[in-house]
Amino acid sequence: MDLEKEVADHGERLNTVERDVMELKKDLSEGLARVDQSNQYLREQNNNILTEIIRRNSTADQRDFEIKKMSKNNQFKMFGMIFGASGLAFGLIELLLKIVK
């Protein structure tokens, strides 16, 4: 009789353990689903941030190119004015020298 009682008690404990394992499995699955959703959201946010950084870097590169281009153009204009002014001054001096002679 004690053996039957122990077998019944053991069966009841096994059922309790199986039920606990099923609850743990369900909780674990729900937790993993929430983690997957969170990871998906974070991946989307990271993708948006990366896209914005790439766009800004591209814009910055374009601005740098424009600034360098303007700088070179201004240097050419400056040299043009210097040589033009010196040529004009030379022409005026030559004209004055011809008039004075």
PDB file of N, CA and C in Angstrom:
ATOM      1  N   MET A   1       0.801  -1.185   0.000  1.00  0.00           N
ATOM      2  CA  MET A   1       0.000   0.000   0.000  1.00  0.00           C
ATOM      3  C   MET A   1       0.856   1.266   0.000  1.00  0.00           C
ATOM      4  N   ASP A   2       1.945   1.264   0.739  1.00  0.00           N
ATOM      5  CA  ASP A   2       2.843   2.407   0.740  1.00  0.00           C
ATOM      6  C   ASP A   2       3.445   2.631  -0.644  1.00  0.00           C
ATOM      7  N   LEU A   3       3.707   1.566  -1.331  1.00  0.00           N
ATOM      8  CA  LEU A   3       4.280   1.669  -2.668  1.00  0.00           C
ATOM      9  C   LEU A   3       3.310   2.347  -3.620  1.00  0.00           C
ATOM     10  N   GLU A   4       2.036   1.996  -3.530  1.00  0.00           N
ATOM     11  CA  GLU A   4       1.032   2.634  -4.397  1.00  0.00           C
ATOM     12  C   GLU A   4       0.910   4.119  -4.071  1.00  0.00           C
ATOM     13  N   LYS A   5       0.983   4.434  -2.805  1.00  0.00           N
ATOM     14  CA  LYS A   5       0.891   5.835  -2.392  1.00  0.00           C
ATOM     15  C   LYS A   5       2.109   6.610  -2.912  1.00  0.00           C
ATOM     16  N   GLU A   6       3.303   6.032  -2.836  1.00  0.00           N
ATOM     17  CA  GLU A   6       4.513   6.681  -3.329  1.00  0.00           C
ATOM     18  C   GLU A   6       4.474   6.845  -4.844  1.00  0.00           C
ATOM     19  N   VAL A   7       3.955   5.838  -5.546  1.00  0.00           N
ATOM     20  CA  VAL A   7       3.838   5.926  -7.008  1.00  0.00           C
ATOM     21  C   VAL A   7       2.858   7.034  -7.373  1.00  0.00           C
ATOM     22  N   ALA A   8       1.736   7.101  -6.674  1.00  0.00           N
ATOM     23  CA  ALA A   8       0.743   8.143  -6.951  1.00  0.00           C
ATOM     24  C   ALA A   8       1.327   9.523  -6.645  1.00  0.00           C
ATOM     25  N   ASP A   9       2.050   9.625  -5.525  1.00  0.00           N
ATOM     26  CA  ASP A   9       2.676  10.897  -5.145  1.00  0.00           C
ATOM     27  C   ASP A   9       3.740  11.290  -6.165  1.00  0.00           C
ATOM     28  N   HIS A  10       4.506  10.319  -6.610  1.00  0.00           N
ATOM     29  CA  HIS A  10       5.535  10.568  -7.610  1.00  0.00           C
ATOM     30  C   HIS A  10       4.898  11.030  -8.924  1.00  0.00           C
ATOM     31  N   GLY A  11       3.810  10.388  -9.330  1.00  0.00           N
ATOM     32  CA  GLY A  11       3.104  10.787 -10.546  1.00  0.00           C
ATOM     33  C   GLY A  11       2.578  12.210 -10.426  1.00  0.00           C
ATOM     34  N   GLU A  12       2.077  12.556  -9.260  1.00  0.00           N
ATOM     35  CA  GLU A  12       1.555  13.908  -9.031  1.00  0.00           C
ATOM     36  C   GLU A  12       2.691  14.930  -9.101  1.00  0.00           C
ATOM     37  N   ARG A  13       3.829  14.588  -8.524  1.00  0.00           N
ATOM     38  CA  ARG A  13       4.983  15.498  -8.579  1.00  0.00           C
ATOM     39  C   ARG A  13       5.485  15.644 -10.016  1.00  0.00           C
ATOM     40  N   LEU A  14       5.477  14.572 -10.783  1.00  0.00           N
ATOM     41  CA  LEU A  14       5.877  14.660 -12.193  1.00  0.00           C
ATOM     42  C   LEU A  14       4.940  15.566 -12.972  1.00  0.00           C
ATOM     43  N   ASN A  15       3.655  15.454 -12.711  1.00  0.00           N
ATOM     44  CA  ASN A  15       2.676  16.318 -13.380  1.00  0.00           C
ATOM     45  C   ASN A  15       2.924  17.788 -13.026  1.00  0.00           C
ATOM     46  N   THR A  16       3.239  18.038 -11.751  1.00  0.00           N
ATOM     47  CA  THR A  16       3.526  19.408 -11.318  1.00  0.00           C
ATOM     48  C   THR A  16       4.784  19.934 -12.015  1.00  0.00           C
ATOM     49  N   VAL A  17       5.818  19.106 -12.083  1.00  0.00           N
ATOM     50  CA  VAL A  17       7.064  19.507 -12.750  1.00  0.00           C
ATOM     51  C   VAL A  17       6.807  19.769 -14.233  1.00  0.00           C
ATOM     52  N   GLU A  18       6.040  18.900 -14.883  1.00  0.00           N
ATOM     53  CA  GLU A  18       5.730  19.093 -16.306  1.00  0.00           C
ATOM     54  C   GLU A  18       4.962  20.394 -16.514  1.00  0.00           C
ATOM     55  N   ARG A  19       4.014  20.682 -15.641  1.00  0.00           N
ATOM     56  CA  ARG A  19       3.239  21.918 -15.744  1.00  0.00           C
ATOM     57  C   ARG A  19       4.161  23.129 -15.557  1.00  0.00           C
ATOM     58  N   ASP A  20       5.081  23.060 -14.573  1.00  0.00           N
ATOM     59  CA  ASP A  20       6.029  24.149 -14.344  1.00  0.00           C
ATOM     60  C   ASP A  20       6.951  24.345 -15.547  1.00  0.00           C
ATOM     61  N   VAL A  21       7.397  23.231 -16.121  1.00  0.00           N
ATOM     62  CA  VAL A  21       8.258  23.315 -17.305  1.00  0.00           C
ATOM     63  C   VAL A  21       7.496  23.960 -18.460  1.00  0.00           C
ATOM     64  N   MET A  22       6.239  23.615 -18.643  1.00  0.00           N
ATOM     65  CA  MET A  22       5.434  24.203 -19.720  1.00  0.00           C
ATOM     66  C   MET A  22       5.246  25.708 -19.495  1.00  0.00           C
ATOM     67  N   GLU A  23       5.028  26.111 -18.242  1.00  0.00           N
ATOM     68  CA  GLU A  23       4.892  27.537 -17.935  1.00  0.00           C
ATOM     69  C   GLU A  23       6.201  28.274 -18.201  1.00  0.00           C
ATOM     70  N   LEU A  24       7.309  27.667 -17.801  1.00  0.00           N
ATOM     71  CA  LEU A  24       8.613  28.275 -18.070  1.00  0.00           C
ATOM     72  C   LEU A  24       8.861  28.406 -19.572  1.00  0.00           C
ATOM     73  N   LYS A  25       8.496  27.372 -20.295  1.00  0.00           N
ATOM     74  CA  LYS A  25       8.661  27.391 -21.754  1.00  0.00           C
ATOM     75  C   LYS A  25       7.819  28.496 -22.369  1.00  0.00           C
ATOM     76  N   LYS A  26       6.588  28.645 -21.886  1.00  0.00           N
ATOM     77  CA  LYS A  26       5.699  29.695 -22.394  1.00  0.00           C
ATOM     78  C   LYS A  26       6.267  31.075 -22.053  1.00  0.00           C
ATOM     79  N   ASP A  27       6.719  31.264 -20.808  1.00  0.00           N
ATOM     80  CA  ASP A  27       7.304  32.546 -20.408  1.00  0.00           C
ATOM     81  C   ASP A  27       8.557  32.855 -21.219  1.00  0.00           C
ATOM     82  N   LEU A  28       9.368  31.841 -21.438  1.00  0.00           N
ATOM     83  CA  LEU A  28      10.587  32.029 -22.220  1.00  0.00           C
ATOM     84  C   LEU A  28      10.260  32.418 -23.659  1.00  0.00           C
ATOM     85  N   SER A  29       9.275  31.765 -24.247  1.00  0.00           N
ATOM     86  CA  SER A  29       8.872  32.093 -25.618  1.00  0.00           C
ATOM     87  C   SER A  29       8.348  33.523 -25.708  1.00  0.00           C
ATOM     88  N   GLU A  30       7.533  33.926 -24.742  1.00  0.00           N
ATOM     89  CA  GLU A  30       7.015  35.304 -24.739  1.00  0.00           C
ATOM     90  C   GLU A  30       8.150  36.311 -24.562  1.00  0.00           C
ATOM     91  N   GLY A  31       9.092  35.989 -23.673  1.00  0.00           N
ATOM     92  CA  GLY A  31      10.234  36.884 -23.470  1.00  0.00           C
ATOM     93  C   GLY A  31      11.079  37.005 -24.717  1.00  0.00           C
ATOM     94  N   LEU A  32      11.317  35.892 -25.391  1.00  0.00           N
ATOM     95  CA  LEU A  32      12.100  35.931 -26.635  1.00  0.00           C
ATOM     96  C   LEU A  32      11.373  36.710 -27.728  1.00  0.00           C
ATOM     97  N   ALA A  33      10.054  36.596 -27.760  1.00  0.00           N
ATOM     98  CA  ALA A  33       9.283  37.360 -28.744  1.00  0.00           C
ATOM     99  C   ALA A  33       9.438  38.858 -28.481  1.00  0.00           C
ATOM    100  N   ARG A  34       9.401  39.262 -27.205  1.00  0.00           N
ATOM    101  CA  ARG A  34       9.585  40.675 -26.869  1.00  0.00           C
ATOM    102  C   ARG A  34      11.004  41.136 -27.218  1.00  0.00           C
ATOM    103  N   VAL A  35      11.986  40.290 -26.975  1.00  0.00           N
ATOM    104  CA  VAL A  35      13.372  40.636 -27.321  1.00  0.00           C
ATOM    105  C   VAL A  35      13.513  40.782 -28.830  1.00  0.00           C
ATOM    106  N   ASP A  36      12.883  39.892 -29.589  1.00  0.00           N
ATOM    107  CA  ASP A  36      12.930  39.992 -31.057  1.00  0.00           C
ATOM    108  C   ASP A  36      12.305  41.299 -31.534  1.00  0.00           C
ATOM    109  N   GLN A  37      11.177  41.682 -30.941  1.00  0.00           N
ATOM    110  CA  GLN A  37      10.538  42.942 -31.321  1.00  0.00           C
ATOM    111  C   GLN A  37      11.438  44.126 -30.983  1.00  0.00           C
ATOM    112  N   SER A  38      12.033  44.077 -29.807  1.00  0.00           N
ATOM    113  CA  SER A  38      12.927  45.149 -29.395  1.00  0.00           C
ATOM    114  C   SER A  38      14.138  45.224 -30.322  1.00  0.00           C
ATOM    115  N   ASN A  39      14.710  44.075 -30.673  1.00  0.00           N
ATOM    116  CA  ASN A  39      15.859  44.049 -31.583  1.00  0.00           C
ATOM    117  C   ASN A  39      15.492  44.589 -32.960  1.00  0.00           C
ATOM    118  N   GLN A  40      14.305  44.251 -33.430  1.00  0.00           N
ATOM    119  CA  GLN A  40      13.864  44.754 -34.729  1.00  0.00           C
ATOM    120  C   GLN A  40      13.741  46.275 -34.690  1.00  0.00           C
ATOM    121  N   TYR A  41      13.152  46.794 -33.612  1.00  0.00           N
ATOM    122  CA  TYR A  41      13.029  48.247 -33.467  1.00  0.00           C
ATOM    123  C   TYR A  41      14.411  48.902 -33.444  1.00  0.00           C
ATOM    124  N   LEU A  42      15.338  48.316 -32.681  1.00  0.00           N
ATOM    125  CA  LEU A  42      16.689  48.879 -32.602  1.00  0.00           C
ATOM    126  C   LEU A  42      17.406  48.810 -33.946  1.00  0.00           C
ATOM    127  N   ARG A  43      17.222  47.717 -34.695  1.00  0.00           N
ATOM    128  CA  ARG A  43      17.829  47.621 -36.030  1.00  0.00           C
ATOM    129  C   ARG A  43      17.287  48.713 -36.947  1.00  0.00           C
ATOM    130  N   GLU A  44      15.976  48.954 -36.876  1.00  0.00           N
ATOM    131  CA  GLU A  44      15.383  50.014 -37.700  1.00  0.00           C
ATOM    132  C   GLU A  44      15.942  51.372 -37.317  1.00  0.00           C
ATOM    133  N   GLN A  45      16.068  51.621 -36.006  1.00  0.00           N
ATOM    134  CA  GLN A  45      16.613  52.896 -35.548  1.00  0.00           C
ATOM    135  C   GLN A  45      18.062  53.060 -35.989  1.00  0.00           C
ATOM    136  N   ASN A  46      18.843  51.995 -35.853  1.00  0.00           N
ATOM    137  CA  ASN A  46      20.241  52.046 -36.284  1.00  0.00           C
ATOM    138  C   ASN A  46      20.348  52.289 -37.780  1.00  0.00           C
ATOM    139  N   ASN A  47      19.462  51.670 -38.544  1.00  0.00           N
ATOM    140  CA  ASN A  47      19.460  51.868 -39.990  1.00  0.00           C
ATOM    141  C   ASN A  47      19.138  53.328 -40.322  1.00  0.00           C
ATOM    142  N   ASN A  48      18.152  53.900 -39.614  1.00  0.00           N
ATOM    143  CA  ASN A  48      17.798  55.308 -39.837  1.00  0.00           C
ATOM    144  C   ASN A  48      18.966  56.219 -39.485  1.00  0.00           C
ATOM    145  N   ILE A  49      19.630  55.931 -38.375  1.00  0.00           N
ATOM    146  CA  ILE A  49      20.773  56.750 -37.951  1.00  0.00           C
ATOM    147  C   ILE A  49      21.895  56.641 -38.973  1.00  0.00           C
ATOM    148  N   LEU A  50      22.184  55.429 -39.426  1.00  0.00           N
ATOM    149  CA  LEU A  50      23.246  55.223 -40.412  1.00  0.00           C
ATOM    150  C   LEU A  50      22.933  55.958 -41.716  1.00  0.00           C
ATOM    151  N   THR A  51      21.686  55.876 -42.150  1.00  0.00           N
ATOM    152  CA  THR A  51      21.278  56.570 -43.377  1.00  0.00           C
ATOM    153  C   THR A  51      21.470  58.075 -43.238  1.00  0.00           C
ATOM    154  N   GLU A  52      21.095  58.623 -42.084  1.00  0.00           N
ATOM    155  CA  GLU A  52      21.240  60.059 -41.844  1.00  0.00           C
ATOM    156  C   GLU A  52      22.711  60.457 -41.801  1.00  0.00           C
ATOM    157  N   ILE A  53      23.542  59.648 -41.191  1.00  0.00           N
ATOM    158  CA  ILE A  53      24.978  59.944 -41.124  1.00  0.00           C
ATOM    159  C   ILE A  53      25.584  59.928 -42.523  1.00  0.00           C
ATOM    160  N   ILE A  54      25.217  58.936 -43.317  1.00  0.00           N
ATOM    161  CA  ILE A  54      25.740  58.858 -44.687  1.00  0.00           C
ATOM    162  C   ILE A  54      25.288  60.067 -45.497  1.00  0.00           C
ATOM    163  N   ARG A  55      24.020  60.456 -45.327  1.00  0.00           N
ATOM    164  CA  ARG A  55      23.512  61.626 -46.053  1.00  0.00           C
ATOM    165  C   ARG A  55      24.264  62.885 -45.635  1.00  0.00           C
ATOM    166  N   ARG A  56      24.478  63.058 -44.344  1.00  0.00           N
ATOM    167  CA  ARG A  56      25.194  64.249 -43.864  1.00  0.00           C
ATOM    168  C   ARG A  56      26.647  64.246 -44.325  1.00  0.00           C
ATOM    169  N   ASN A  57      27.282  63.079 -44.311  1.00  0.00           N
ATOM    170  CA  ASN A  57      28.663  63.010 -44.782  1.00  0.00           C
ATOM    171  C   ASN A  57      28.750  63.371 -46.252  1.00  0.00           C
ATOM    172  N   SER A  58      27.786  62.902 -47.029  1.00  0.00           N
ATOM    173  CA  SER A  58      27.764  63.222 -48.456  1.00  0.00           C
ATOM    174  C   SER A  58      27.594  64.723 -48.656  1.00  0.00           C
ATOM    175  N   THR A  59      26.695  65.316 -47.883  1.00  0.00           N
ATOM    176  CA  THR A  59      26.463  66.765 -47.971  1.00  0.00           C
ATOM    177  C   THR A  59      27.714  67.521 -47.542  1.00  0.00           C
ATOM    178  N   ALA A  60      28.365  67.061 -46.500  1.00  0.00           N
ATOM    179  CA  ALA A  60      29.593  67.713 -46.026  1.00  0.00           C
ATOM    180  C   ALA A  60      30.687  67.618 -47.086  1.00  0.00           C
ATOM    181  N   ASP A  61      30.802  66.477 -47.743  1.00  0.00           N
ATOM    182  CA  ASP A  61      31.797  66.323 -48.807  1.00  0.00           C
ATOM    183  C   ASP A  61      31.517  67.293 -49.949  1.00  0.00           C
ATOM    184  N   GLN A  62      30.250  67.443 -50.292  1.00  0.00           N
ATOM    185  CA  GLN A  62      29.889  68.381 -51.360  1.00  0.00           C
ATOM    186  C   GLN A  62      30.237  69.818 -50.957  1.00  0.00           C
ATOM    187  N   ARG A  63      29.947  70.184 -49.705  1.00  0.00           N
ATOM    188  CA  ARG A  63      30.277  71.535 -49.229  1.00  0.00           C
ATOM    189  C   ARG A  63      31.781  71.757 -49.246  1.00  0.00           C
ATOM    190  N   ASP A  64      32.548  70.774 -48.807  1.00  0.00           N
ATOM    191  CA  ASP A  64      34.009  70.902 -48.824  1.00  0.00           C
ATOM    192  C   ASP A  64      34.514  71.103 -50.247  1.00  0.00           C
ATOM    193  N   PHE A  65      33.953  70.354 -51.187  1.00  0.00           N
ATOM    194  CA  PHE A  65      34.358  70.497 -52.583  1.00  0.00           C
ATOM    195  C   PHE A  65      34.031  71.899 -53.097  1.00  0.00           C
ATOM    196  N   GLU A  66      32.842  72.398 -52.767  1.00  0.00           N
ATOM    197  CA  GLU A  66      32.443  73.744 -53.211  1.00  0.00           C
ATOM    198  C   GLU A  66      33.362  74.811 -52.615  1.00  0.00           C
ATOM    199  N   ILE A  67      33.710  74.662 -51.338  1.00  0.00           N
ATOM    200  CA  ILE A  67      34.594  75.636 -50.684  1.00  0.00           C
ATOM    201  C   ILE A  67      35.970  75.623 -51.339  1.00  0.00           C
ATOM    202  N   LYS A  68      36.506  74.428 -51.602  1.00  0.00           N
ATOM    203  CA  LYS A  68      37.811  74.344 -52.259  1.00  0.00           C
ATOM    204  C   LYS A  68      37.762  74.953 -53.659  1.00  0.00           C
ATOM    205  N   LYS A  69      36.677  74.714 -54.363  1.00  0.00           N
ATOM    206  CA  LYS A  69      36.512  75.254 -55.714  1.00  0.00           C
ATOM    207  C   LYS A  69      36.468  76.785 -55.670  1.00  0.00           C
ATOM    208  N   MET A  70      35.699  77.331 -54.711  1.00  0.00           N
ATOM    209  CA  MET A  70      35.617  78.789 -54.579  1.00  0.00           C
ATOM    210  C   MET A  70      36.975  79.373 -54.212  1.00  0.00           C
ATOM    211  N   SER A  71      37.710  78.685 -53.351  1.00  0.00           N
ATOM    212  CA  SER A  71      39.034  79.157 -52.945  1.00  0.00           C
ATOM    213  C   SER A  71      39.969  79.233 -54.145  1.00  0.00           C
ATOM    214  N   LYS A  72      39.971  78.201 -54.967  1.00  0.00           N
ATOM    215  CA  LYS A  72      40.822  78.197 -56.166  1.00  0.00           C
ATOM    216  C   LYS A  72      40.400  79.308 -57.130  1.00  0.00           C
ATOM    217  N   ASN A  73      39.083  79.471 -57.316  1.00  0.00           N
ATOM    218  CA  ASN A  73      38.601  80.534 -58.204  1.00  0.00           C
ATOM    219  C   ASN A  73      39.037  81.904 -57.685  1.00  0.00           C
ATOM    220  N   ASN A  74      38.944  82.109 -56.372  1.00  0.00           N
ATOM    221  CA  ASN A  74      39.345  83.395 -55.800  1.00  0.00           C
ATOM    222  C   ASN A  74      40.846  83.620 -55.963  1.00  0.00           C
ATOM    223  N   GLN A  75      41.647  82.558 -55.848  1.00  0.00           N
ATOM    224  CA  GLN A  75      43.089  82.705 -56.054  1.00  0.00           C
ATOM    225  C   GLN A  75      43.383  83.108 -57.497  1.00  0.00           C
ATOM    226  N   PHE A  76      42.709  82.473 -58.447  1.00  0.00           N
ATOM    227  CA  PHE A  76      42.907  82.826 -59.850  1.00  0.00           C
ATOM    228  C   PHE A  76      42.488  84.272 -60.115  1.00  0.00           C
ATOM    229  N   LYS A  77      41.387  84.683 -59.535  1.00  0.00           N
ATOM    230  CA  LYS A  77      40.935  86.074 -59.715  1.00  0.00           C
ATOM    231  C   LYS A  77      41.943  87.052 -59.120  1.00  0.00           C
ATOM    232  N   MET A  78      42.468  86.712 -57.930  1.00  0.00           N
ATOM    233  CA  MET A  78      43.435  87.580 -57.279  1.00  0.00           C
ATOM    234  C   MET A  78      44.697  87.721 -58.142  1.00  0.00           C
ATOM    235  N   PHE A  79      45.224  86.585 -58.636  1.00  0.00           N
ATOM    236  CA  PHE A  79      46.411  86.658 -59.494  1.00  0.00           C
ATOM    237  C   PHE A  79      46.101  87.412 -60.784  1.00  0.00           C
ATOM    238  N   GLY A  80      44.904  87.216 -61.305  1.00  0.00           N
ATOM    239  CA  GLY A  80      44.514  87.945 -62.514  1.00  0.00           C
ATOM    240  C   GLY A  80      44.491  89.446 -62.274  1.00  0.00           C
ATOM    241  N   MET A  81      43.952  89.843 -61.118  1.00  0.00           N
ATOM    242  CA  MET A  81      43.913  91.283 -60.809  1.00  0.00           C
ATOM    243  C   MET A  81      45.314  91.837 -60.585  1.00  0.00           C
ATOM    244  N   ILE A  82      46.161  91.046 -59.898  1.00  0.00           N
ATOM    245  CA  ILE A  82      47.527  91.520 -59.644  1.00  0.00           C
ATOM    246  C   ILE A  82      48.268  91.704 -60.958  1.00  0.00           C
ATOM    247  N   PHE A  83      48.219  90.688 -61.825  1.00  0.00           N
ATOM    248  CA  PHE A  83      48.925  90.793 -63.096  1.00  0.00           C
ATOM    249  C   PHE A  83      48.269  91.837 -64.003  1.00  0.00           C
ATOM    250  N   GLY A  84      46.952  91.938 -63.933  1.00  0.00           N
ATOM    251  CA  GLY A  84      46.261  92.955 -64.736  1.00  0.00           C
ATOM    252  C   GLY A  84      46.618  94.352 -64.277  1.00  0.00           C
ATOM    253  N   ALA A  85      46.647  94.546 -62.957  1.00  0.00           N
ATOM    254  CA  ALA A  85      46.990  95.869 -62.419  1.00  0.00           C
ATOM    255  C   ALA A  85      48.448  96.200 -62.724  1.00  0.00           C
ATOM    256  N   SER A  86      49.323  95.209 -62.587  1.00  0.00           N
ATOM    257  CA  SER A  86      50.732  95.490 -62.882  1.00  0.00           C
ATOM    258  C   SER A  86      50.912  95.756 -64.372  1.00  0.00           C
ATOM    259  N   GLY A  87      50.160  95.069 -65.218  1.00  0.00           N
ATOM    260  CA  GLY A  87      50.234  95.328 -66.666  1.00  0.00           C
ATOM    261  C   GLY A  87      49.711  96.721 -66.996  1.00  0.00           C
ATOM    262  N   LEU A  88      48.639  97.109 -66.329  1.00  0.00           N
ATOM    263  CA  LEU A  88      48.082  98.445 -66.542  1.00  0.00           C
ATOM    264  C   LEU A  88      49.072  99.506 -66.074  1.00  0.00           C
ATOM    265  N   ALA A  89      49.669  99.278 -64.909  1.00  0.00           N
ATOM    266  CA  ALA A  89      50.655 100.229 -64.388  1.00  0.00           C
ATOM    267  C   ALA A  89      51.843 100.321 -65.346  1.00  0.00           C
ATOM    268  N   PHE A  90      52.295  99.194 -65.858  1.00  0.00           N
ATOM    269  CA  PHE A  90      53.404  99.196 -66.809  1.00  0.00           C
ATOM    270  C   PHE A  90      53.013  99.980 -68.062  1.00  0.00           C
ATOM    271  N   GLY A  91      51.785  99.759 -68.537  1.00  0.00           N
ATOM    272  CA  GLY A  91      51.333 100.478 -69.729  1.00  0.00           C
ATOM    273  C   GLY A  91      51.263 101.984 -69.483  1.00  0.00           C
ATOM    274  N   LEU A  92      50.784 102.396 -68.316  1.00  0.00           N
ATOM    275  CA  LEU A  92      50.711 103.831 -68.007  1.00  0.00           C
ATOM    276  C   LEU A  92      52.107 104.445 -67.893  1.00  0.00           C
ATOM    277  N   ILE A  93      53.002 103.725 -67.238  1.00  0.00           N
ATOM    278  CA  ILE A  93      54.378 104.244 -67.110  1.00  0.00           C
ATOM    279  C   ILE A  93      55.025 104.358 -68.478  1.00  0.00           C
ATOM    280  N   GLU A  94      54.820 103.366 -69.307  1.00  0.00           N
ATOM    281  CA  GLU A  94      55.384 103.411 -70.659  1.00  0.00           C
ATOM    282  C   GLU A  94      54.790 104.573 -71.447  1.00  0.00           C
ATOM    283  N   LEU A  95      53.493 104.792 -71.303  1.00  0.00           N
ATOM    284  CA  LEU A  95      52.832 105.905 -71.985  1.00  0.00           C
ATOM    285  C   LEU A  95      53.383 107.238 -71.483  1.00  0.00           C
ATOM    286  N   LEU A  96      53.547 107.363 -70.180  1.00  0.00           N
ATOM    287  CA  LEU A  96      54.111 108.599 -69.597  1.00  0.00           C
ATOM    288  C   LEU A  96      55.529 108.824 -70.103  1.00  0.00           C
ATOM    289  N   LEU A  97      56.307 107.760 -70.172  1.00  0.00           N
ATOM    290  CA  LEU A  97      57.672 107.894 -70.642  1.00  0.00           C
ATOM    291  C   LEU A  97      57.711 108.350 -72.104  1.00  0.00           C
ATOM    292  N   LYS A  98      56.782 107.877 -72.915  1.00  0.00           N
ATOM    293  CA  LYS A  98      56.722 108.276 -74.325  1.00  0.00           C
ATOM    294  C   LYS A  98      56.299 109.735 -74.436  1.00  0.00           C
ATOM    295  N   ILE A  99      55.386 110.152 -73.563  1.00  0.00           N
ATOM    296  CA  ILE A  99      54.919 111.542 -73.595  1.00  0.00           C
ATOM    297  C   ILE A  99      56.040 112.483 -73.123  1.00  0.00           C
ATOM    298  N   VAL A 100      56.762 112.085 -72.115  1.00  0.00           N
ATOM    299  CA  VAL A 100      57.830 112.906 -71.566  1.00  0.00           C
ATOM    300  C   VAL A 100      58.980 113.034 -72.565  1.00  0.00           C
ATOM    301  N   LYS A 101      59.259 112.046 -73.360  1.00  0.00           N
ATOM    302  CA  LYS A 101      60.363 112.094 -74.327  1.00  0.00           C
ATOM    303  C   LYS A 101      59.992 112.991 -75.406  1.00  0.00           C
TER     304      LYS A 101
END
